[in-house]
C-alpha atoms as a PDB file:
ATOM      1  CA  UNK A   1      36.550   7.519 107.292  1.00  0.00           C
ATOM      2  CA  UNK A   2      40.227   8.361 107.045  1.00  0.00           C
ATOM      3  CA  UNK A   3      41.503  11.527 105.415  1.00  0.00           C
ATOM      4  CA  UNK A   4      41.902  11.296 101.636  1.00  0.00           C
ATOM      5  CA  UNK A   5      44.066  13.555  99.545  1.00  0.00           C
ATOM      6  CA  UNK A   6      42.770  15.293  96.434  1.00  0.00           C
ATOM      7  CA  UNK A   7      44.878  12.830  94.456  1.00  0.00           C
ATOM      8  CA  UNK A   8      43.139   9.860  96.098  1.00  0.00           C
ATOM      9  CA  UNK A   9      39.743  11.318  95.232  1.00  0.00           C
ATOM     10  CA  UNK A  10      40.771  12.123  91.639  1.00  0.00           C
ATOM     11  CA  UNK A  11      42.037   8.556  91.219  1.00  0.00           C
ATOM     12  CA  UNK A  12      38.783   7.148  92.612  1.00  0.00           C
ATOM     13  CA  UNK A  13      36.666   9.274  90.248  1.00  0.00           C
ATOM     14  CA  UNK A  14      38.784   8.408  87.201  1.00  0.00           C
ATOM     15  CA  UNK A  15      38.820   4.719  88.097  1.00  0.00           C
ATOM     16  CA  UNK A  16      35.055   4.593  88.568  1.00  0.00           C
ATOM     17  CA  UNK A  17      34.474   6.376  85.232  1.00  0.00           C
ATOM     18  CA  UNK A  18      36.652   4.022  83.159  1.00  0.00           C
ATOM     19  CA  UNK A  19      33.674   2.349  81.505  1.00  0.00           C
ATOM     20  CA  UNK A  20      31.200   5.213  81.805  1.00  0.00           C
ATOM     21  CA  UNK A  21      29.158   6.199  84.833  1.00  0.00           C
ATOM     22  CA  UNK A  22      26.511   8.687  85.918  1.00  0.00           C
ATOM     23  CA  UNK A  23      27.203  11.660  88.183  1.00  0.00           C
ATOM     24  CA  UNK A  24      25.202  10.078  91.003  1.00  0.00           C
ATOM     25  CA  UNK A  25      27.168   6.834  90.857  1.00  0.00           C
ATOM     26  CA  UNK A  26      30.439   8.793  90.880  1.00  0.00           C
ATOM     27  CA  UNK A  27      29.169  10.610  93.960  1.00  0.00           C
ATOM     28  CA  UNK A  28      28.409   7.322  95.734  1.00  0.00           C
ATOM     29  CA  UNK A  29      31.553   5.470  94.635  1.00  0.00           C
ATOM     30  CA  UNK A  30      33.843   8.309  95.745  1.00  0.00           C
ATOM     31  CA  UNK A  31      31.840   9.140  98.914  1.00  0.00           C
ATOM     32  CA  UNK A  32      31.461  12.800  97.945  1.00  0.00           C
ATOM     33  CA  UNK A  33      28.744  15.363  98.497  1.00  0.00           C
ATOM     34  CA  UNK A  34      26.977  16.837  95.488  1.00  0.00           C
ATOM     35  CA  UNK A  35      29.013  20.073  95.737  1.00  0.00           C
ATOM     36  CA  UNK A  36      32.294  18.162  95.994  1.00  0.00           C
ATOM     37  CA  UNK A  37      31.333  15.928  93.091  1.00  0.00           C
ATOM     38  CA  UNK A  38      30.554  18.908  90.881  1.00  0.00           C
ATOM     39  CA  UNK A  39      33.877  20.554  91.802  1.00  0.00           C
ATOM     40  CA  UNK A  40      35.862  17.437  90.893  1.00  0.00           C
ATOM     41  CA  UNK A  41      33.900  16.788  87.694  1.00  0.00           C
ATOM     42  CA  UNK A  42      34.447  20.362  86.514  1.00  0.00           C
ATOM     43  CA  UNK A  43      38.152  20.147  87.350  1.00  0.00           C
ATOM     44  CA  UNK A  44      38.659  16.797  85.606  1.00  0.00           C
ATOM     45  CA  UNK A  45      36.561  17.754  82.572  1.00  0.00           C
ATOM     46  CA  UNK A  46      38.342  21.107  82.283  1.00  0.00           C
ATOM     47  CA  UNK A  47      41.715  19.370  82.235  1.00  0.00           C
ATOM     48  CA  UNK A  48      40.664  16.821  79.630  1.00  0.00           C
ATOM     49  CA  UNK A  49      40.770  13.821  81.970  1.00  0.00           C
ATOM     50  CA  UNK A  50      37.039  13.168  81.859  1.00  0.00           C
ATOM     51  CA  UNK A  51      34.471  13.573  79.089  1.00  0.00           C
ATOM     52  CA  UNK A  52      30.731  14.029  79.400  1.00  0.00           C
ATOM     53  CA  UNK A  53      28.113  12.771  76.981  1.00  0.00           C
ATOM     54  CA  UNK A  54      25.107  15.072  77.394  1.00  0.00           C
ATOM     55  CA  UNK A  55      22.842  12.682  75.479  1.00  0.00           C
ATOM     56  CA  UNK A  56      23.309   9.786  77.881  1.00  0.00           C
ATOM     57  CA  UNK A  57      24.445  11.932  80.856  1.00  0.00           C
ATOM     58  CA  UNK A  58      27.444   9.665  81.319  1.00  0.00           C
ATOM     59  CA  UNK A  59      30.998  10.578  82.348  1.00  0.00           C
ATOM     60  CA  UNK A  60      33.877   8.559  80.960  1.00  0.00           C
ATOM     61  CA  UNK A  61      37.619   8.687  81.570  1.00  0.00           C
ATOM     62  CA  UNK A  62      39.479   9.949  78.487  1.00  0.00           C
ATOM     63  CA  UNK A  63      42.700   8.511  77.068  1.00  0.00           C
ATOM     64  CA  UNK A  64      44.568  11.338  78.809  1.00  0.00           C
ATOM     65  CA  UNK A  65      42.756  10.437  82.039  1.00  0.00           C
ATOM     66  CA  UNK A  66      43.778   6.784  81.707  1.00  0.00           C
ATOM     67  CA  UNK A  67      47.407   7.788  81.199  1.00  0.00           C
ATOM     68  CA  UNK A  68      47.198  10.026  84.254  1.00  0.00           C
ATOM     69  CA  UNK A  69      45.654   7.207  86.286  1.00  0.00           C
ATOM     70  CA  UNK A  70      48.335   4.738  85.198  1.00  0.00           C
ATOM     71  CA  UNK A  71      51.123   7.188  86.065  1.00  0.00           C
ATOM     72  CA  UNK A  72      49.534   7.917  89.430  1.00  0.00           C
ATOM     73  CA  UNK A  73      49.204   4.207  90.219  1.00  0.00           C
ATOM     74  CA  UNK A  74      52.837   3.693  89.272  1.00  0.00           C
ATOM     75  CA  UNK A  75      53.955   6.463  91.638  1.00  0.00           C
ATOM     76  CA  UNK A  76      51.762   5.065  94.419  1.00  0.00           C
ATOM     77  CA  UNK A  77      53.331   1.609  93.974  1.00  0.00           C
ATOM     78  CA  UNK A  78      56.842   3.102  94.098  1.00  0.00           C
ATOM     79  CA  UNK A  79      55.979   5.063  97.236  1.00  0.00           C
ATOM     80  CA  UNK A  80      54.529   1.951  98.823  1.00  0.00           C
ATOM     81  CA  UNK A  81      57.685  -0.026  98.005  1.00  0.00           C
ATOM     82  CA  UNK A  82      59.910   2.657  99.554  1.00  0.00           C
ATOM     83  CA  UNK A  83      57.848   2.530 102.773  1.00  0.00           C
ATOM     84  CA  UNK A  84      58.951  -1.063 103.241  1.00  0.00           C
ATOM     85  CA  UNK A  85      62.642  -0.149 103.406  1.00  0.00           C
END
């Protein structure tokens, strides 16, 4: 597997949690260990990008998280376009 930046991993976690997802499924979709998953979930939850419903044990991307994801995707597209020049 190629090297992924923290930003790539954050984007993957936020994208996978758009509609609501369990911790285990986040771990599998982002190819992270349990310890890494917990670190990212704590970071994203602490910054208001992800919310956790303790009743259903589901993580979901917040409105702030969706805005962050959209901005990140926009930057990635611009960087990709500049690589072509």
